Protein backbone atom coordinates (compact mmCIF):
# COMPACT_ATOMS: atom_id res chain seq x y z
CA UNK A 1 14.93 -9.72 5.79
CA UNK A 2 11.35 -8.47 5.69
CA UNK A 3 12.06 -5.74 3.13
CA UNK A 4 13.44 -8.18 0.58
CA UNK A 5 10.14 -10.01 0.53
CA UNK A 6 8.35 -7.03 -0.96
CA UNK A 7 10.66 -6.83 -3.94
CA UNK A 8 13.42 -4.72 -5.33
CA UNK A 9 11.30 -1.70 -6.21
CA UNK A 10 11.26 1.61 -4.38
CA UNK A 11 8.59 0.56 -1.90
CA UNK A 12 10.47 -2.63 -1.07
CA UNK A 13 13.67 -0.69 -0.45
CA UNK A 14 11.95 1.81 1.84
CA UNK A 15 10.24 -1.00 3.73
CA UNK A 16 13.53 -2.86 4.03
CA UNK A 17 15.36 0.22 5.29
CA UNK A 18 12.78 0.87 7.99
CA UNK A 19 12.63 -2.77 9.01
CA UNK A 20 16.42 -2.97 9.17
CA UNK A 21 16.62 0.26 11.18
CA UNK A 22 14.11 -1.06 13.70
CA UNK A 23 16.03 -4.33 14.04
CA UNK A 24 19.37 -2.59 14.50
CA UNK A 25 17.97 0.02 16.86
CA UNK A 26 16.23 -2.66 18.89
CA UNK A 27 19.53 -4.44 19.36
CA UNK A 28 21.55 -1.36 20.27
CA UNK A 29 19.07 0.85 22.11
CA UNK A 30 17.10 -0.53 25.02
CA UNK A 31 15.49 2.85 25.66
CA UNK A 32 12.80 2.47 23.00
CA UNK A 33 12.42 -1.31 22.96
CA UNK A 34 8.63 -1.34 23.40
CA UNK A 35 8.19 1.37 20.76
CA UNK A 36 10.33 -0.56 18.30
CA UNK A 37 8.41 -3.78 18.96
CA UNK A 38 5.08 -2.03 18.30
CA UNK A 39 6.42 -0.42 15.11
CA UNK A 40 7.75 -3.77 13.96
CA UNK A 41 4.37 -5.40 14.53
CA UNK A 42 2.71 -2.62 12.51
CA UNK A 43 5.18 -3.22 9.70
CA UNK A 44 4.58 -6.94 9.74
CA UNK A 45 0.82 -6.45 9.56
CA UNK A 46 1.10 -3.89 6.73
CA UNK A 47 3.67 -5.85 4.71
CA UNK A 48 1.24 -8.16 2.86
CA UNK A 49 -0.92 -5.20 1.88
CA UNK A 50 2.07 -3.27 0.56
CA UNK A 51 3.17 -6.35 -1.38
CA UNK A 52 -0.27 -6.58 -2.98
CA UNK A 53 -0.38 -2.86 -3.78
CA UNK A 54 3.00 -3.00 -5.45
CA UNK A 55 2.22 -6.19 -7.37
CA UNK A 56 -1.16 -4.92 -8.56
CA UNK A 57 0.24 -1.51 -9.53
CA UNK A 58 2.85 -3.26 -11.68
CA UNK A 59 0.13 -5.40 -13.26
CA UNK A 60 -1.98 -2.32 -13.95
CA UNK A 61 1.03 -0.43 -15.32
CA UNK A 62 0.83 2.72 -13.33
CA UNK A 63 0.11 4.69 -10.23
CA UNK A 64 3.69 5.11 -9.11
CA UNK A 65 2.58 8.24 -7.26
CA UNK A 66 0.61 6.10 -4.79
CA UNK A 67 3.64 3.99 -4.09
CA UNK A 68 5.64 7.19 -3.55
CA UNK A 69 3.21 8.26 -0.81
CA UNK A 70 3.79 5.02 1.09
CA UNK A 71 7.52 5.16 0.38
CA UNK A 72 7.85 8.67 1.85
CA UNK A 73 6.00 7.59 4.96
CA UNK A 74 8.31 4.62 5.45
CA UNK A 75 11.39 6.80 4.90
CA UNK A 76 10.20 9.30 7.53
CA UNK A 77 9.84 6.45 9.99
CA UNK A 78 13.29 5.15 9.14
CA UNK A 79 14.89 8.54 9.82
CA UNK A 80 13.16 8.81 13.19
CA UNK A 81 14.21 5.30 14.21
CA UNK A 82 17.83 6.07 13.30
CA UNK A 83 17.72 9.24 15.42
CA UNK A 84 16.28 7.31 18.35
CA UNK A 85 18.97 4.67 18.16
CA UNK A 86 21.63 7.32 18.76
CA UNK A 87 20.11 8.62 21.99
CA UNK A 88 22.00 7.63 25.12
CA UNK A 89 20.25 5.98 28.03
CA UNK A 90 21.11 8.77 30.47
CA UNK A 91 19.62 11.56 28.33
CA UNK A 92 16.14 11.54 29.86
CA UNK A 93 14.85 14.65 28.09
CA UNK A 94 15.67 13.32 24.63
CA UNK A 95 14.39 9.86 25.54
CA UNK A 96 11.05 11.31 26.60
CA UNK A 97 10.87 13.59 23.53
CA UNK A 98 11.66 10.82 21.07
CA UNK A 99 9.43 8.29 22.80
CA UNK A 100 6.56 10.74 22.17
CA UNK A 101 7.69 11.09 18.57
CA UNK A 102 7.73 7.31 18.16
CA UNK A 103 4.27 7.03 19.70
CA UNK A 104 3.04 9.71 17.29
CA UNK A 105 4.65 7.82 14.42
CA UNK A 106 2.86 4.63 15.45
CA UNK A 107 -0.53 6.35 15.68
CA UNK A 108 -0.11 8.40 12.53
CA UNK A 109 1.22 5.40 10.59
CA UNK A 110 -1.80 3.32 11.49
CA UNK A 111 -4.14 6.17 10.58
CA UNK A 112 -2.21 6.94 7.40
CA UNK A 113 -2.28 3.39 6.10
CA UNK A 114 -5.91 2.87 7.03
CA UNK A 115 -7.12 6.15 5.49
CA UNK A 116 -5.02 5.96 2.34
CA UNK A 117 -5.79 2.28 1.95
CA UNK A 118 -9.51 2.94 2.32
CA UNK A 119 -9.41 5.80 -0.17
CA UNK A 120 -7.48 3.70 -2.69
CA UNK A 121 -9.89 0.83 -2.23
CA UNK A 122 -12.90 3.08 -2.83
CA UNK A 123 -11.34 4.61 -5.92
CA UNK A 124 -10.31 1.21 -7.30
CA UNK A 125 -13.81 -0.15 -6.77
CA UNK A 126 -15.30 2.82 -8.60
CA UNK A 127 -12.89 2.29 -11.48
CA UNK A 128 -13.85 -1.37 -11.62
CA UNK A 129 -17.54 -0.49 -11.64
CA UNK A 130 -17.04 2.03 -14.46
CA UNK A 131 -15.07 -0.53 -16.47
CA UNK A 132 -17.77 -3.15 -15.89
CA UNK A 133 -20.47 -0.71 -16.93
CA UNK A 134 -18.60 0.10 -20.14
CA UNK A 135 -18.07 -3.58 -20.88
CA UNK A 136 -21.75 -4.25 -20.18
CA UNK A 137 -22.74 -1.54 -22.64
CA UNK A 138 -20.44 -3.07 -25.27
CA UNK A 139 -21.95 -6.49 -24.65
CA UNK A 140 -25.45 -5.01 -25.03
CA UNK A 141 -24.42 -3.51 -28.39
CA UNK A 142 -23.00 -6.84 -29.54
CA UNK A 143 -26.15 -8.61 -28.42
CA UNK A 144 -28.38 -6.18 -30.30
CA UNK A 145 -26.24 -6.53 -33.45
CA UNK A 146 -26.42 -10.31 -33.24
CA UNK A 147 -30.14 -10.16 -32.60
CA UNK A 148 -30.61 -7.92 -35.65
CA UNK A 149 -28.49 -10.28 -37.76
CA UNK A 150 -30.61 -13.21 -36.62
CA UNK A 151 -33.82 -11.33 -37.48
CA UNK A 152 -32.41 -10.40 -40.89
CA UNK A 153 -31.51 -14.04 -41.63
CA UNK A 154 -34.94 -15.26 -40.56
CA UNK A 155 -36.58 -12.64 -42.82
CA UNK A 156 -34.41 -13.69 -45.73
CA UNK A 157 -35.29 -17.33 -45.20
CA UNK A 158 -39.03 -16.59 -44.86
CA UNK A 159 -39.03 -14.40 -47.99
CA UNK A 160 -37.66 -17.24 -50.13
């Protein structure tokens, strides 16, 4: 299952639930087959990124709130897919209404992941740059201390 590949954490469970719902709904409900296929392709394209986000967040020991944002989005999609799978073929009004909802979910999901991903990337890059600047300043201090020590030793040797 696709969700198990992400891991046992909250994000992996939400991803797995949505992926499973799409698979089950695709088998039982022909009404929204094209919508489910498009959603599934979105999930498959986003999966490696979500895996990386979760893995890196664990390595950096934090930012569970960011994972929660993605998790909520996946759970909303899962609820909508479950509702759609219960709609009967002959109920044209509901089919039309929920097909619009699924299309909105597709569009908003793509926008959501691209915007939030871009924002996270920008913030992470800024944090990296700040950390590099701080490390560079520390290295400059160490270099100046070593340079002063070298000058002091050369003065001591020349004064003898």
